[in-house]
Amino acid sequence: MAREFIPVGVGILTVSDTRTEADDRSGALIGELLVSAGHRVAARAIVRDEQALITAQLRAWIADPAVEVIITTGGTGVTPRDVTPEALAPLVSKPIPGFGELFRWLSYADIGTSTIQSRAEAALCDTTYVFLLPGSTGGVRLGMEKIIVPQLDHRLAPCNFVMLLPRIRGQAPG
């Protein structure tokens, strides 16, 4: 029996000192890819590269039942202003190391060894999935098309993140 598609509510957070809603191409791309896949953009925001601001926005969305998944873009490099992973760290219930590993492996085909500068990662924070993507549209497209969108499709076998949501939220037997 074929599984039916189950849309999820997603928060899109752009981390940037310079982007505005008018020129946020990476955040817009995330939204376009999610909507074309059948999901809902439950929230969208742009915050500066400041750890406390990023953590506060993530915490608010993690507490919001309408936001089941958060995808960030920006702040995952190695410069002093890149603090998105540090902002996420105190909120992590369970890291999902395979995401960052797979992202860098796939990215190697496009950018070679420069992929080691990416700190893309994912985690479960309470009952919300959080994915950290780079600020580049190329990195966003790669992460979304090759990893996130497929994992947010309930029809993907043998397993996907959507089918685990009821168990994570305590709504179904383990």
Foldseek 3Di string as FASTA:
>chain_A
DFDDWDAAEEEEEEEAPDDDPVPQPLSVVLVVLSVVLPYHHNYYDYYYLDLVVLLVVVVVLLPDPRHQEYEYEALFFDDPSSCNVVSCVVQAPFWDAVLLVVLLVVCCVPVNPVSVRGRWTWGQGQLHIYTYFYSDNVRSCSSVVVPVSLLSTCRDPPHHDVVCSCVSVVNDDD
